[in-house]
Amino acid sequence: MKRIAVDLAKSVYQVAESVRSGQVVQRKRLNREAFRRYIQEQTESVEWVM
């Protein structure tokens, strides 16, 4: 299972993906539409942290 941390803002979302050990493996900066698509693309089990 991966953990995805999200920093919510008015128009831009900062997203950081980490693996079980807690190591961040990817960071993204997404607008609202891209964030919506990003959520729908998640295929494995995810723990969301905001």
PDB file of N, CA and C in Angstrom:
ATOM      1  N   MET A   1       0.851  -1.176   0.000  1.00  0.00           N
ATOM      2  CA  MET A   1       0.000   0.000   0.000  1.00  0.00           C
ATOM      3  C   MET A   1       0.892   1.234   0.000  1.00  0.00           C
ATOM      4  N   LYS A   2       0.508   2.218  -0.796  1.00  0.00           N
ATOM      5  CA  LYS A   2       1.268   3.463  -0.779  1.00  0.00           C
ATOM      6  C   LYS A   2       0.489   4.531  -0.040  1.00  0.00           C
ATOM      7  N   ARG A   3       1.216   5.524   0.427  1.00  0.00           N
ATOM      8  CA  ARG A   3       0.624   6.645   1.148  1.00  0.00           C
ATOM      9  C   ARG A   3       0.779   7.879   0.266  1.00  0.00           C
ATOM     10  N   ILE A   4      -0.300   8.636   0.144  1.00  0.00           N
ATOM     11  CA  ILE A   4      -0.269   9.859  -0.649  1.00  0.00           C
ATOM     12  C   ILE A   4      -0.667  11.020   0.257  1.00  0.00           C
ATOM     13  N   ALA A   5       0.255  11.967   0.411  1.00  0.00           N
ATOM     14  CA  ALA A   5       0.000  13.168   1.200  1.00  0.00           C
ATOM     15  C   ALA A   5      -0.407  14.286   0.249  1.00  0.00           C
ATOM     16  N   VAL A   6      -1.444  15.025   0.640  1.00  0.00           N
ATOM     17  CA  VAL A   6      -1.967  16.085  -0.221  1.00  0.00           C
ATOM     18  C   VAL A   6      -2.008  17.393   0.556  1.00  0.00           C
ATOM     19  N   ASP A   7      -1.456  18.442  -0.040  1.00  0.00           N
ATOM     20  CA  ASP A   7      -1.550  19.792   0.497  1.00  0.00           C
ATOM     21  C   ASP A   7      -2.586  20.515  -0.360  1.00  0.00           C
ATOM     22  N   LEU A   8      -3.742  20.781   0.224  1.00  0.00           N
ATOM     23  CA  LEU A   8      -4.842  21.397  -0.518  1.00  0.00           C
ATOM     24  C   LEU A   8      -4.702  22.914  -0.555  1.00  0.00           C
ATOM     25  N   ALA A   9      -5.001  23.484  -1.702  1.00  0.00           N
ATOM     26  CA  ALA A   9      -5.005  24.936  -1.872  1.00  0.00           C
ATOM     27  C   ALA A   9      -6.176  25.295  -2.783  1.00  0.00           C
ATOM     28  N   LYS A  10      -6.342  26.560  -3.079  1.00  0.00           N
ATOM     29  CA  LYS A  10      -7.474  26.976  -3.905  1.00  0.00           C
ATOM     30  C   LYS A  10      -7.402  26.434  -5.319  1.00  0.00           C
ATOM     31  N   SER A  11      -6.237  26.501  -5.939  1.00  0.00           N
ATOM     32  CA  SER A  11      -6.166  26.092  -7.341  1.00  0.00           C
ATOM     33  C   SER A  11      -5.080  25.068  -7.643  1.00  0.00           C
ATOM     34  N   VAL A  12      -4.138  24.864  -6.732  1.00  0.00           N
ATOM     35  CA  VAL A  12      -3.036  23.931  -6.970  1.00  0.00           C
ATOM     36  C   VAL A  12      -2.925  22.968  -5.793  1.00  0.00           C
ATOM     37  N   TYR A  13      -2.702  21.705  -6.103  1.00  0.00           N
ATOM     38  CA  TYR A  13      -2.540  20.677  -5.079  1.00  0.00           C
ATOM     39  C   TYR A  13      -1.122  20.131  -5.153  1.00  0.00           C
ATOM     40  N   GLN A  14      -0.443  20.070  -4.011  1.00  0.00           N
ATOM     41  CA  GLN A  14       0.879  19.457  -3.935  1.00  0.00           C
ATOM     42  C   GLN A  14       0.664  18.029  -3.448  1.00  0.00           C
ATOM     43  N   VAL A  15       1.218  17.057  -4.170  1.00  0.00           N
ATOM     44  CA  VAL A  15       1.024  15.645  -3.851  1.00  0.00           C
ATOM     45  C   VAL A  15       2.389  14.992  -3.672  1.00  0.00           C
ATOM     46  N   ALA A  16       2.534  14.188  -2.615  1.00  0.00           N
ATOM     47  CA  ALA A  16       3.770  13.434  -2.394  1.00  0.00           C
ATOM     48  C   ALA A  16       3.399  11.974  -2.170  1.00  0.00           C
ATOM     49  N   GLU A  17       3.963  11.081  -2.977  1.00  0.00           N
ATOM     50  CA  GLU A  17       3.726   9.644  -2.839  1.00  0.00           C
ATOM     51  C   GLU A  17       4.881   9.027  -2.067  1.00  0.00           C
ATOM     52  N   SER A  18       4.560   8.169  -1.107  1.00  0.00           N
ATOM     53  CA  SER A  18       5.611   7.469  -0.376  1.00  0.00           C
ATOM     54  C   SER A  18       5.283   5.985  -0.313  1.00  0.00           C
ATOM     55  N   VAL A  19       6.320   5.189  -0.134  1.00  0.00           N
ATOM     56  CA  VAL A  19       6.175   3.743  -0.014  1.00  0.00           C
ATOM     57  C   VAL A  19       6.086   3.381   1.461  1.00  0.00           C
ATOM     58  N   ARG A  20       5.920   2.113   1.742  1.00  0.00           N
ATOM     59  CA  ARG A  20       5.712   1.637   3.107  1.00  0.00           C
ATOM     60  C   ARG A  20       6.784   2.136   4.086  1.00  0.00           C
ATOM     61  N   SER A  21       8.030   2.238   3.648  1.00  0.00           N
ATOM     62  CA  SER A  21       9.120   2.673   4.530  1.00  0.00           C
ATOM     63  C   SER A  21       9.040   4.160   4.866  1.00  0.00           C
ATOM     64  N   GLY A  22       8.188   4.909   4.164  1.00  0.00           N
ATOM     65  CA  GLY A  22       8.041   6.336   4.405  1.00  0.00           C
ATOM     66  C   GLY A  22       8.852   7.202   3.461  1.00  0.00           C
ATOM     67  N   GLN A  23       9.641   6.577   2.605  1.00  0.00           N
ATOM     68  CA  GLN A  23      10.465   7.315   1.647  1.00  0.00           C
ATOM     69  C   GLN A  23       9.585   7.896   0.540  1.00  0.00           C
ATOM     70  N   VAL A  24       9.710   9.205   0.297  1.00  0.00           N
ATOM     71  CA  VAL A  24       8.960   9.862  -0.781  1.00  0.00           C
ATOM     72  C   VAL A  24       9.569   9.450  -2.106  1.00  0.00           C
ATOM     73  N   VAL A  25       8.729   8.912  -2.987  1.00  0.00           N
ATOM     74  CA  VAL A  25       9.214   8.436  -4.282  1.00  0.00           C
ATOM     75  C   VAL A  25       8.801   9.348  -5.430  1.00  0.00           C
ATOM     76  N   GLN A  26       7.810  10.208  -5.193  1.00  0.00           N
ATOM     77  CA  GLN A  26       7.368  11.093  -6.271  1.00  0.00           C
ATOM     78  C   GLN A  26       6.629  12.290  -5.692  1.00  0.00           C
ATOM     79  N   ARG A  27       6.868  13.452  -6.279  1.00  0.00           N
ATOM     80  CA  ARG A  27       6.145  14.676  -5.913  1.00  0.00           C
ATOM     81  C   ARG A  27       5.516  15.255  -7.171  1.00  0.00           C
ATOM     82  N   LYS A  28       4.309  15.810  -6.999  1.00  0.00           N
ATOM     83  CA  LYS A  28       3.614  16.403  -8.146  1.00  0.00           C
ATOM     84  C   LYS A  28       2.926  17.684  -7.706  1.00  0.00           C
ATOM     85  N   ARG A  29       2.749  18.582  -8.662  1.00  0.00           N
ATOM     86  CA  ARG A  29       1.974  19.812  -8.473  1.00  0.00           C
ATOM     87  C   ARG A  29       0.862  19.765  -9.510  1.00  0.00           C
ATOM     88  N   LEU A  30      -0.398  19.679  -9.049  1.00  0.00           N
ATOM     89  CA  LEU A  30      -1.523  19.444  -9.950  1.00  0.00           C
ATOM     90  C   LEU A  30      -2.600  20.515  -9.796  1.00  0.00           C
ATOM     91  N   ASN A  31      -3.237  20.876 -10.913  1.00  0.00           N
ATOM     92  CA  ASN A  31      -4.407  21.749 -10.824  1.00  0.00           C
ATOM     93  C   ASN A  31      -5.621  20.871 -10.481  1.00  0.00           C
ATOM     94  N   ARG A  32      -6.777  21.469 -10.327  1.00  0.00           N
ATOM     95  CA  ARG A  32      -7.962  20.703  -9.890  1.00  0.00           C
ATOM     96  C   ARG A  32      -8.310  19.548 -10.822  1.00  0.00           C
ATOM     97  N   GLU A  33      -8.333  19.808 -12.103  1.00  0.00           N
ATOM     98  CA  GLU A  33      -8.697  18.762 -13.070  1.00  0.00           C
ATOM     99  C   GLU A  33      -7.660  17.643 -13.087  1.00  0.00           C
ATOM    100  N   ALA A  34      -6.397  17.992 -13.066  1.00  0.00           N
ATOM    101  CA  ALA A  34      -5.334  16.981 -13.058  1.00  0.00           C
ATOM    102  C   ALA A  34      -5.389  16.161 -11.770  1.00  0.00           C
ATOM    103  N   PHE A  35      -5.726  16.800 -10.642  1.00  0.00           N
ATOM    104  CA  PHE A  35      -5.841  16.082  -9.369  1.00  0.00           C
ATOM    105  C   PHE A  35      -6.996  15.080  -9.426  1.00  0.00           C
ATOM    106  N   ARG A  36      -8.114  15.491 -10.000  1.00  0.00           N
ATOM    107  CA  ARG A  36      -9.262  14.585 -10.139  1.00  0.00           C
ATOM    108  C   ARG A  36      -8.875  13.358 -10.950  1.00  0.00           C
ATOM    109  N   ARG A  37      -8.178  13.552 -12.074  1.00  0.00           N
ATOM    110  CA  ARG A  37      -7.718  12.426 -12.902  1.00  0.00           C
ATOM    111  C   ARG A  37      -6.717  11.559 -12.144  1.00  0.00           C
ATOM    112  N   TYR A  38      -5.832  12.200 -11.402  1.00  0.00           N
ATOM    113  CA  TYR A  38      -4.815  11.484 -10.624  1.00  0.00           C
ATOM    114  C   TYR A  38      -5.476  10.530  -9.620  1.00  0.00           C
ATOM    115  N   ILE A  39      -6.503  11.003  -8.929  1.00  0.00           N
ATOM    116  CA  ILE A  39      -7.217  10.161  -7.963  1.00  0.00           C
ATOM    117  C   ILE A  39      -7.845   8.957  -8.665  1.00  0.00           C
ATOM    118  N   GLN A  40      -8.460   9.167  -9.798  1.00  0.00           N
ATOM    119  CA  GLN A  40      -9.120   8.087 -10.532  1.00  0.00           C
ATOM    120  C   GLN A  40      -8.132   7.069 -11.076  1.00  0.00           C
ATOM    121  N   GLU A  41      -6.899   7.476 -11.317  1.00  0.00           N
ATOM    122  CA  GLU A  41      -5.885   6.578 -11.877  1.00  0.00           C
ATOM    123  C   GLU A  41      -5.268   5.636 -10.845  1.00  0.00           C
ATOM    124  N   GLN A  42      -5.507   5.871  -9.561  1.00  0.00           N
ATOM    125  CA  GLN A  42      -4.892   5.030  -8.528  1.00  0.00           C
ATOM    126  C   GLN A  42      -5.527   3.638  -8.565  1.00  0.00           C
ATOM    127  N   THR A  43      -4.686   2.620  -8.777  1.00  0.00           N
ATOM    128  CA  THR A  43      -5.191   1.258  -8.927  1.00  0.00           C
ATOM    129  C   THR A  43      -4.952   0.394  -7.697  1.00  0.00           C
ATOM    130  N   GLU A  44      -3.931   0.708  -6.920  1.00  0.00           N
ATOM    131  CA  GLU A  44      -3.656  -0.098  -5.735  1.00  0.00           C
ATOM    132  C   GLU A  44      -4.223   0.587  -4.498  1.00  0.00           C
ATOM    133  N   SER A  45      -4.177  -0.107  -3.391  1.00  0.00           N
ATOM    134  CA  SER A  45      -4.673   0.432  -2.138  1.00  0.00           C
ATOM    135  C   SER A  45      -3.858   1.662  -1.732  1.00  0.00           C
ATOM    136  N   VAL A  46      -4.560   2.728  -1.319  1.00  0.00           N
ATOM    137  CA  VAL A  46      -3.903   3.992  -0.997  1.00  0.00           C
ATOM    138  C   VAL A  46      -4.385   4.493   0.355  1.00  0.00           C
ATOM    139  N   GLU A  47      -3.449   4.994   1.161  1.00  0.00           N
ATOM    140  CA  GLU A  47      -3.789   5.698   2.393  1.00  0.00           C
ATOM    141  C   GLU A  47      -3.621   7.185   2.093  1.00  0.00           C
ATOM    142  N   TRP A  48      -4.701   7.953   2.194  1.00  0.00           N
ATOM    143  CA  TRP A  48      -4.665   9.384   1.883  1.00  0.00           C
ATOM    144  C   TRP A  48      -4.419  10.171   3.162  1.00  0.00           C
ATOM    145  N   VAL A  49      -3.480  11.112   3.109  1.00  0.00           N
ATOM    146  CA  VAL A  49      -3.148  11.962   4.254  1.00  0.00           C
ATOM    147  C   VAL A  49      -3.269  13.407   3.805  1.00  0.00           C
ATOM    148  N   MET A  50      -4.031  14.201   4.577  1.00  0.00           N
ATOM    149  CA  MET A  50      -4.199  15.615   4.210  1.00  0.00           C
ATOM    150  C   MET A  50      -3.838  16.491   5.379  1.00  0.00           C
TER     151      MET A  50
END
